[in-house]
Amino acid sequence: MKARVYVTLKRGVLDPQGKAVCTSLHQLGYREVTDVRVGKCMEVTLGGLPRREAEQRLKAMCEKLLANPVIEDYRFEIHEE
């Protein structure tokens, strides 16, 4: 089974990279863009786990390593192969 883990900065946390991308989009003529938040997407392959256990393990991975829960939010999707 594969999982996609999405990590983004929490609202209220400054995102200088997102601001730089937003400014660049404006310079390219995309004035309709009002905000950009930059995040990470990770693909994790899991083997031999029941779905419930995979969810618990992914949550632990996110809280211990993949995300900084103080300033980042995370979510994940599990896809059966």
PDB file of N, CA and C in Angstrom:
ATOM      1  N   MET A   1       0.840  -1.163   0.000  1.00  0.00           N
ATOM      2  CA  MET A   1       0.000   0.000   0.000  1.00  0.00           C
ATOM      3  C   MET A   1       0.885   1.225   0.000  1.00  0.00           C
ATOM      4  N   LYS A   2       0.381   2.291  -0.594  1.00  0.00           N
ATOM      5  CA  LYS A   2       1.127   3.547  -0.654  1.00  0.00           C
ATOM      6  C   LYS A   2       0.348   4.622   0.066  1.00  0.00           C
ATOM      7  N   ALA A   3       1.089   5.549   0.625  1.00  0.00           N
ATOM      8  CA  ALA A   3       0.476   6.693   1.294  1.00  0.00           C
ATOM      9  C   ALA A   3       1.116   7.966   0.773  1.00  0.00           C
ATOM     10  N   ARG A   4       0.316   8.991   0.664  1.00  0.00           N
ATOM     11  CA  ARG A   4       0.815  10.332   0.376  1.00  0.00           C
ATOM     12  C   ARG A   4       0.648  11.154   1.633  1.00  0.00           C
ATOM     13  N   VAL A   5       1.718  11.779   2.054  1.00  0.00           N
ATOM     14  CA  VAL A   5       1.712  12.618   3.248  1.00  0.00           C
ATOM     15  C   VAL A   5       1.908  14.063   2.806  1.00  0.00           C
ATOM     16  N   TYR A   6       0.984  14.933   3.203  1.00  0.00           N
ATOM     17  CA  TYR A   6       1.045  16.350   2.866  1.00  0.00           C
ATOM     18  C   TYR A   6       1.344  17.135   4.133  1.00  0.00           C
ATOM     19  N   VAL A   7       2.375  17.970   4.072  1.00  0.00           N
ATOM     20  CA  VAL A   7       2.775  18.776   5.224  1.00  0.00           C
ATOM     21  C   VAL A   7       2.763  20.247   4.794  1.00  0.00           C
ATOM     22  N   THR A   8       2.064  21.083   5.563  1.00  0.00           N
ATOM     23  CA  THR A   8       1.997  22.511   5.279  1.00  0.00           C
ATOM     24  C   THR A   8       2.180  23.290   6.573  1.00  0.00           C
ATOM     25  N   LEU A   9       2.633  24.519   6.422  1.00  0.00           N
ATOM     26  CA  LEU A   9       2.748  25.385   7.592  1.00  0.00           C
ATOM     27  C   LEU A   9       1.353  25.717   8.119  1.00  0.00           C
ATOM     28  N   LYS A  10       1.235  25.815   9.411  1.00  0.00           N
ATOM     29  CA  LYS A  10      -0.038  26.192  10.010  1.00  0.00           C
ATOM     30  C   LYS A  10      -0.366  27.629   9.628  1.00  0.00           C
ATOM     31  N   ARG A  11      -1.670  27.922   9.567  1.00  0.00           N
ATOM     32  CA  ARG A  11      -2.104  29.295   9.327  1.00  0.00           C
ATOM     33  C   ARG A  11      -1.545  30.159  10.441  1.00  0.00           C
ATOM     34  N   GLY A  12      -1.107  31.326  10.106  1.00  0.00           N
ATOM     35  CA  GLY A  12      -0.528  32.208  11.104  1.00  0.00           C
ATOM     36  C   GLY A  12       0.985  32.124  11.172  1.00  0.00           C
ATOM     37  N   VAL A  13       1.560  31.054  10.627  1.00  0.00           N
ATOM     38  CA  VAL A  13       3.016  30.922  10.574  1.00  0.00           C
ATOM     39  C   VAL A  13       3.486  31.547   9.259  1.00  0.00           C
ATOM     40  N   LEU A  14       4.431  32.461   9.347  1.00  0.00           N
ATOM     41  CA  LEU A  14       4.926  33.127   8.145  1.00  0.00           C
ATOM     42  C   LEU A  14       5.525  32.117   7.172  1.00  0.00           C
ATOM     43  N   ASP A  15       5.243  32.334   5.884  1.00  0.00           N
ATOM     44  CA  ASP A  15       5.734  31.454   4.830  1.00  0.00           C
ATOM     45  C   ASP A  15       6.487  32.292   3.799  1.00  0.00           C
ATOM     46  N   PRO A  16       7.769  32.609   4.067  1.00  0.00           N
ATOM     47  CA  PRO A  16       8.511  33.455   3.136  1.00  0.00           C
ATOM     48  C   PRO A  16       8.643  32.856   1.738  1.00  0.00           C
ATOM     49  N   GLN A  17       8.747  31.542   1.658  1.00  0.00           N
ATOM     50  CA  GLN A  17       8.845  30.896   0.343  1.00  0.00           C
ATOM     51  C   GLN A  17       7.536  31.083  -0.426  1.00  0.00           C
ATOM     52  N   GLY A  18       6.413  30.929   0.264  1.00  0.00           N
ATOM     53  CA  GLY A  18       5.117  31.152  -0.373  1.00  0.00           C
ATOM     54  C   GLY A  18       4.952  32.585  -0.853  1.00  0.00           C
ATOM     55  N   LYS A  19       5.409  33.547  -0.039  1.00  0.00           N
ATOM     56  CA  LYS A  19       5.336  34.960  -0.438  1.00  0.00           C
ATOM     57  C   LYS A  19       6.181  35.214  -1.682  1.00  0.00           C
ATOM     58  N   ALA A  20       7.374  34.608  -1.741  1.00  0.00           N
ATOM     59  CA  ALA A  20       8.248  34.780  -2.907  1.00  0.00           C
ATOM     60  C   ALA A  20       7.589  34.209  -4.164  1.00  0.00           C
ATOM     61  N   VAL A  21       6.949  33.060  -4.048  1.00  0.00           N
ATOM     62  CA  VAL A  21       6.260  32.461  -5.190  1.00  0.00           C
ATOM     63  C   VAL A  21       5.094  33.349  -5.615  1.00  0.00           C
ATOM     64  N   CYS A  22       4.345  33.874  -4.658  1.00  0.00           N
ATOM     65  CA  CYS A  22       3.211  34.748  -4.955  1.00  0.00           C
ATOM     66  C   CYS A  22       3.683  36.001  -5.704  1.00  0.00           C
ATOM     67  N   THR A  23       4.769  36.594  -5.230  1.00  0.00           N
ATOM     68  CA  THR A  23       5.326  37.779  -5.889  1.00  0.00           C
ATOM     69  C   THR A  23       5.755  37.460  -7.316  1.00  0.00           C
ATOM     70  N   SER A  24       6.399  36.322  -7.501  1.00  0.00           N
ATOM     71  CA  SER A  24       6.839  35.912  -8.840  1.00  0.00           C
ATOM     72  C   SER A  24       5.654  35.680  -9.769  1.00  0.00           C
ATOM     73  N   LEU A  25       4.597  35.068  -9.258  1.00  0.00           N
ATOM     74  CA  LEU A  25       3.397  34.861 -10.081  1.00  0.00           C
ATOM     75  C   LEU A  25       2.792  36.194 -10.494  1.00  0.00           C
ATOM     76  N   HIS A  26       2.779  37.163  -9.598  1.00  0.00           N
ATOM     77  CA  HIS A  26       2.275  38.505  -9.937  1.00  0.00           C
ATOM     78  C   HIS A  26       3.133  39.118 -11.047  1.00  0.00           C
ATOM     79  N   GLN A  27       4.450  38.975 -10.945  1.00  0.00           N
ATOM     80  CA  GLN A  27       5.352  39.525 -11.956  1.00  0.00           C
ATOM     81  C   GLN A  27       5.152  38.865 -13.316  1.00  0.00           C
ATOM     82  N   LEU A  28       4.669  37.636 -13.308  1.00  0.00           N
ATOM     83  CA  LEU A  28       4.392  36.925 -14.567  1.00  0.00           C
ATOM     84  C   LEU A  28       2.995  37.233 -15.100  1.00  0.00           C
ATOM     85  N   GLY A  29       2.265  38.083 -14.380  1.00  0.00           N
ATOM     86  CA  GLY A  29       0.953  38.495 -14.864  1.00  0.00           C
ATOM     87  C   GLY A  29      -0.223  37.770 -14.239  1.00  0.00           C
ATOM     88  N   TYR A  30       0.016  36.923 -13.264  1.00  0.00           N
ATOM     89  CA  TYR A  30      -1.063  36.185 -12.606  1.00  0.00           C
ATOM     90  C   TYR A  30      -1.537  36.969 -11.382  1.00  0.00           C
ATOM     91  N   ARG A  31      -2.152  38.104 -11.620  1.00  0.00           N
ATOM     92  CA  ARG A  31      -2.576  39.010 -10.552  1.00  0.00           C
ATOM     93  C   ARG A  31      -3.730  38.460  -9.719  1.00  0.00           C
ATOM     94  N   GLU A  32      -4.416  37.459 -10.229  1.00  0.00           N
ATOM     95  CA  GLU A  32      -5.551  36.892  -9.483  1.00  0.00           C
ATOM     96  C   GLU A  32      -5.115  36.072  -8.268  1.00  0.00           C
ATOM     97  N   VAL A  33      -3.834  35.724  -8.206  1.00  0.00           N
ATOM     98  CA  VAL A  33      -3.315  34.942  -7.074  1.00  0.00           C
ATOM     99  C   VAL A  33      -3.230  35.866  -5.859  1.00  0.00           C
ATOM    100  N   THR A  34      -3.895  35.471  -4.775  1.00  0.00           N
ATOM    101  CA  THR A  34      -3.904  36.315  -3.579  1.00  0.00           C
ATOM    102  C   THR A  34      -3.005  35.774  -2.473  1.00  0.00           C
ATOM    103  N   ASP A  35      -2.680  34.487  -2.502  1.00  0.00           N
ATOM    104  CA  ASP A  35      -1.818  33.915  -1.474  1.00  0.00           C
ATOM    105  C   ASP A  35      -1.284  32.577  -1.960  1.00  0.00           C
ATOM    106  N   VAL A  36      -0.079  32.242  -1.535  1.00  0.00           N
ATOM    107  CA  VAL A  36       0.521  30.941  -1.839  1.00  0.00           C
ATOM    108  C   VAL A  36       1.128  30.414  -0.545  1.00  0.00           C
ATOM    109  N   ARG A  37       0.861  29.173  -0.240  1.00  0.00           N
ATOM    110  CA  ARG A  37       1.478  28.481   0.890  1.00  0.00           C
ATOM    111  C   ARG A  37       2.236  27.297   0.304  1.00  0.00           C
ATOM    112  N   VAL A  38       3.503  27.186   0.622  1.00  0.00           N
ATOM    113  CA  VAL A  38       4.336  26.114   0.094  1.00  0.00           C
ATOM    114  C   VAL A  38       4.408  24.994   1.126  1.00  0.00           C
ATOM    115  N   GLY A  39       4.319  23.759   0.661  1.00  0.00           N
ATOM    116  CA  GLY A  39       4.380  22.617   1.559  1.00  0.00           C
ATOM    117  C   GLY A  39       5.194  21.493   0.949  1.00  0.00           C
ATOM    118  N   LYS A  40       5.053  20.324   1.533  1.00  0.00           N
ATOM    119  CA  LYS A  40       5.782  19.143   1.074  1.00  0.00           C
ATOM    120  C   LYS A  40       4.779  18.019   0.829  1.00  0.00           C
ATOM    121  N   CYS A  41       5.087  17.201  -0.144  1.00  0.00           N
ATOM    122  CA  CYS A  41       4.316  15.985  -0.392  1.00  0.00           C
ATOM    123  C   CYS A  41       5.312  14.829  -0.432  1.00  0.00           C
ATOM    124  N   MET A  42       5.042  13.801   0.372  1.00  0.00           N
ATOM    125  CA  MET A  42       5.923  12.637   0.420  1.00  0.00           C
ATOM    126  C   MET A  42       5.119  11.388   0.093  1.00  0.00           C
ATOM    127  N   GLU A  43       5.709  10.484  -0.653  1.00  0.00           N
ATOM    128  CA  GLU A  43       5.086   9.195  -0.928  1.00  0.00           C
ATOM    129  C   GLU A  43       5.809   8.139  -0.097  1.00  0.00           C
ATOM    130  N   VAL A  44       5.034   7.390   0.661  1.00  0.00           N
ATOM    131  CA  VAL A  44       5.577   6.363   1.543  1.00  0.00           C
ATOM    132  C   VAL A  44       4.960   5.031   1.140  1.00  0.00           C
ATOM    133  N   THR A  45       5.791   4.039   0.893  1.00  0.00           N
ATOM    134  CA  THR A  45       5.306   2.702   0.575  1.00  0.00           C
ATOM    135  C   THR A  45       5.345   1.863   1.845  1.00  0.00           C
ATOM    136  N   LEU A  46       4.220   1.264   2.167  1.00  0.00           N
ATOM    137  CA  LEU A  46       4.089   0.443   3.371  1.00  0.00           C
ATOM    138  C   LEU A  46       3.780  -0.985   2.957  1.00  0.00           C
ATOM    139  N   GLY A  47       4.397  -1.919   3.606  1.00  0.00           N
ATOM    140  CA  GLY A  47       4.146  -3.310   3.270  1.00  0.00           C
ATOM    141  C   GLY A  47       3.675  -4.107   4.466  1.00  0.00           C
ATOM    142  N   GLY A  48       2.743  -4.997   4.227  1.00  0.00           N
ATOM    143  CA  GLY A  48       2.354  -5.978   5.227  1.00  0.00           C
ATOM    144  C   GLY A  48       1.608  -5.474   6.445  1.00  0.00           C
ATOM    145  N   LEU A  49       0.929  -4.350   6.337  1.00  0.00           N
ATOM    146  CA  LEU A  49       0.169  -3.841   7.482  1.00  0.00           C
ATOM    147  C   LEU A  49      -1.315  -3.754   7.157  1.00  0.00           C
ATOM    148  N   PRO A  50      -2.154  -4.073   8.117  1.00  0.00           N
ATOM    149  CA  PRO A  50      -3.582  -3.794   7.926  1.00  0.00           C
ATOM    150  C   PRO A  50      -3.780  -2.278   7.886  1.00  0.00           C
ATOM    151  N   ARG A  51      -4.815  -1.828   7.221  1.00  0.00           N
ATOM    152  CA  ARG A  51      -5.052  -0.401   7.031  1.00  0.00           C
ATOM    153  C   ARG A  51      -5.064   0.370   8.357  1.00  0.00           C
ATOM    154  N   ARG A  52      -5.731  -0.148   9.357  1.00  0.00           N
ATOM    155  CA  ARG A  52      -5.835   0.548  10.660  1.00  0.00           C
ATOM    156  C   ARG A  52      -4.461   0.768  11.284  1.00  0.00           C
ATOM    157  N   GLU A  53      -3.639  -0.272  11.224  1.00  0.00           N
ATOM    158  CA  GLU A  53      -2.285  -0.154  11.776  1.00  0.00           C
ATOM    159  C   GLU A  53      -1.437   0.796  10.941  1.00  0.00           C
ATOM    160  N   ALA A  54      -1.610   0.761   9.615  1.00  0.00           N
ATOM    161  CA  ALA A  54      -0.880   1.669   8.732  1.00  0.00           C
ATOM    162  C   ALA A  54      -1.216   3.116   9.084  1.00  0.00           C
ATOM    163  N   GLU A  55      -2.480   3.408   9.362  1.00  0.00           N
ATOM    164  CA  GLU A  55      -2.885   4.761   9.749  1.00  0.00           C
ATOM    165  C   GLU A  55      -2.198   5.188  11.046  1.00  0.00           C
ATOM    166  N   GLN A  56      -2.159   4.285  12.018  1.00  0.00           N
ATOM    167  CA  GLN A  56      -1.515   4.593  13.292  1.00  0.00           C
ATOM    168  C   GLN A  56      -0.011   4.828  13.109  1.00  0.00           C
ATOM    169  N   ARG A  57       0.613   3.993  12.292  1.00  0.00           N
ATOM    170  CA  ARG A  57       2.057   4.118  12.054  1.00  0.00           C
ATOM    171  C   ARG A  57       2.375   5.425  11.311  1.00  0.00           C
ATOM    172  N   LEU A  58       1.552   5.757  10.316  1.00  0.00           N
ATOM    173  CA  LEU A  58       1.773   7.001   9.578  1.00  0.00           C
ATOM    174  C   LEU A  58       1.625   8.218  10.492  1.00  0.00           C
ATOM    175  N   LYS A  59       0.632   8.188  11.357  1.00  0.00           N
ATOM    176  CA  LYS A  59       0.446   9.287  12.301  1.00  0.00           C
ATOM    177  C   LYS A  59       1.697   9.453  13.167  1.00  0.00           C
ATOM    178  N   ALA A  60       2.222   8.354  13.659  1.00  0.00           N
ATOM    179  CA  ALA A  60       3.434   8.395  14.479  1.00  0.00           C
ATOM    180  C   ALA A  60       4.625   8.924  13.678  1.00  0.00           C
ATOM    181  N   MET A  61       4.765   8.484  12.430  1.00  0.00           N
ATOM    182  CA  MET A  61       5.857   8.958  11.576  1.00  0.00           C
ATOM    183  C   MET A  61       5.776  10.472  11.385  1.00  0.00           C
ATOM    184  N   CYS A  62       4.568  10.964  11.147  1.00  0.00           N
ATOM    185  CA  CYS A  62       4.382  12.400  10.935  1.00  0.00           C
ATOM    186  C   CYS A  62       4.738  13.185  12.187  1.00  0.00           C
ATOM    187  N   GLU A  63       4.292  12.715  13.324  1.00  0.00           N
ATOM    188  CA  GLU A  63       4.509  13.452  14.566  1.00  0.00           C
ATOM    189  C   GLU A  63       5.952  13.381  15.050  1.00  0.00           C
ATOM    190  N   LYS A  64       6.673  12.308  14.671  1.00  0.00           N
ATOM    191  CA  LYS A  64       8.051  12.153  15.132  1.00  0.00           C
ATOM    192  C   LYS A  64       9.092  12.681  14.156  1.00  0.00           C
ATOM    193  N   LEU A  65       8.785  12.672  12.843  1.00  0.00           N
ATOM    194  CA  LEU A  65       9.818  13.013  11.874  1.00  0.00           C
ATOM    195  C   LEU A  65       9.335  13.835  10.683  1.00  0.00           C
ATOM    196  N   LEU A  66       8.259  13.434  10.059  1.00  0.00           N
ATOM    197  CA  LEU A  66       7.883  14.028   8.779  1.00  0.00           C
ATOM    198  C   LEU A  66       7.341  15.445   8.892  1.00  0.00           C
ATOM    199  N   ALA A  67       6.776  15.800  10.048  1.00  0.00           N
ATOM    200  CA  ALA A  67       6.233  17.143  10.247  1.00  0.00           C
ATOM    201  C   ALA A  67       6.683  17.665  11.606  1.00  0.00           C
ATOM    202  N   ASN A  68       6.724  18.972  11.714  1.00  0.00           N
ATOM    203  CA  ASN A  68       6.980  19.611  13.002  1.00  0.00           C
ATOM    204  C   ASN A  68       5.628  20.081  13.526  1.00  0.00           C
ATOM    205  N   PRO A  69       5.006  19.327  14.432  1.00  0.00           N
ATOM    206  CA  PRO A  69       3.635  19.636  14.850  1.00  0.00           C
ATOM    207  C   PRO A  69       3.465  20.996  15.517  1.00  0.00           C
ATOM    208  N   VAL A  70       4.562  21.642  15.895  1.00  0.00           N
ATOM    209  CA  VAL A  70       4.462  22.972  16.496  1.00  0.00           C
ATOM    210  C   VAL A  70       4.074  24.006  15.446  1.00  0.00           C
ATOM    211  N   ILE A  71       4.643  23.885  14.231  1.00  0.00           N
ATOM    212  CA  ILE A  71       4.389  24.893  13.200  1.00  0.00           C
ATOM    213  C   ILE A  71       3.764  24.336  11.920  1.00  0.00           C
ATOM    214  N   GLU A  72       3.621  23.007  11.830  1.00  0.00           N
ATOM    215  CA  GLU A  72       3.106  22.405  10.598  1.00  0.00           C
ATOM    216  C   GLU A  72       1.880  21.528  10.876  1.00  0.00           C
ATOM    217  N   ASP A  73       0.994  21.510   9.884  1.00  0.00           N
ATOM    218  CA  ASP A  73      -0.123  20.576   9.864  1.00  0.00           C
ATOM    219  C   ASP A  73       0.228  19.464   8.887  1.00  0.00           C
ATOM    220  N   TYR A  74      -0.387  18.321   9.064  1.00  0.00           N
ATOM    221  CA  TYR A  74      -0.177  17.229   8.116  1.00  0.00           C
ATOM    222  C   TYR A  74      -1.479  16.477   7.912  1.00  0.00           C
ATOM    223  N   ARG A  75      -1.537  15.805   6.796  1.00  0.00           N
ATOM    224  CA  ARG A  75      -2.632  14.876   6.516  1.00  0.00           C
ATOM    225  C   ARG A  75      -2.055  13.819   5.584  1.00  0.00           C
ATOM    226  N   PHE A  76      -2.713  12.676   5.545  1.00  0.00           N
ATOM    227  CA  PHE A  76      -2.228  11.638   4.642  1.00  0.00           C
ATOM    228  C   PHE A  76      -3.404  10.905   4.031  1.00  0.00           C
ATOM    229  N   GLU A  77      -3.119  10.319   2.878  1.00  0.00           N
ATOM    230  CA  GLU A  77      -4.085   9.481   2.154  1.00  0.00           C
ATOM    231  C   GLU A  77      -3.422   8.139   1.915  1.00  0.00           C
ATOM    232  N   ILE A  78      -4.167   7.085   2.157  1.00  0.00           N
ATOM    233  CA  ILE A  78      -3.659   5.733   1.915  1.00  0.00           C
ATOM    234  C   ILE A  78      -4.350   5.170   0.677  1.00  0.00           C
ATOM    235  N   HIS A  79      -3.537   4.628  -0.229  1.00  0.00           N
ATOM    236  CA  HIS A  79      -4.060   4.039  -1.458  1.00  0.00           C
ATOM    237  C   HIS A  79      -3.681   2.569  -1.493  1.00  0.00           C
ATOM    238  N   GLU A  80      -4.670   1.725  -1.592  1.00  0.00           N
ATOM    239  CA  GLU A  80      -4.409   0.286  -1.734  1.00  0.00           C
ATOM    240  C   GLU A  80      -3.909   0.025  -3.147  1.00  0.00           C
ATOM    241  N   GLU A  81      -2.954  -0.864  -3.269  1.00  0.00           N
ATOM    242  CA  GLU A  81      -2.426  -1.183  -4.602  1.00  0.00           C
ATOM    243  C   GLU A  81      -3.151  -2.346  -5.207  1.00  0.00           C
TER     244      GLU A  81
END
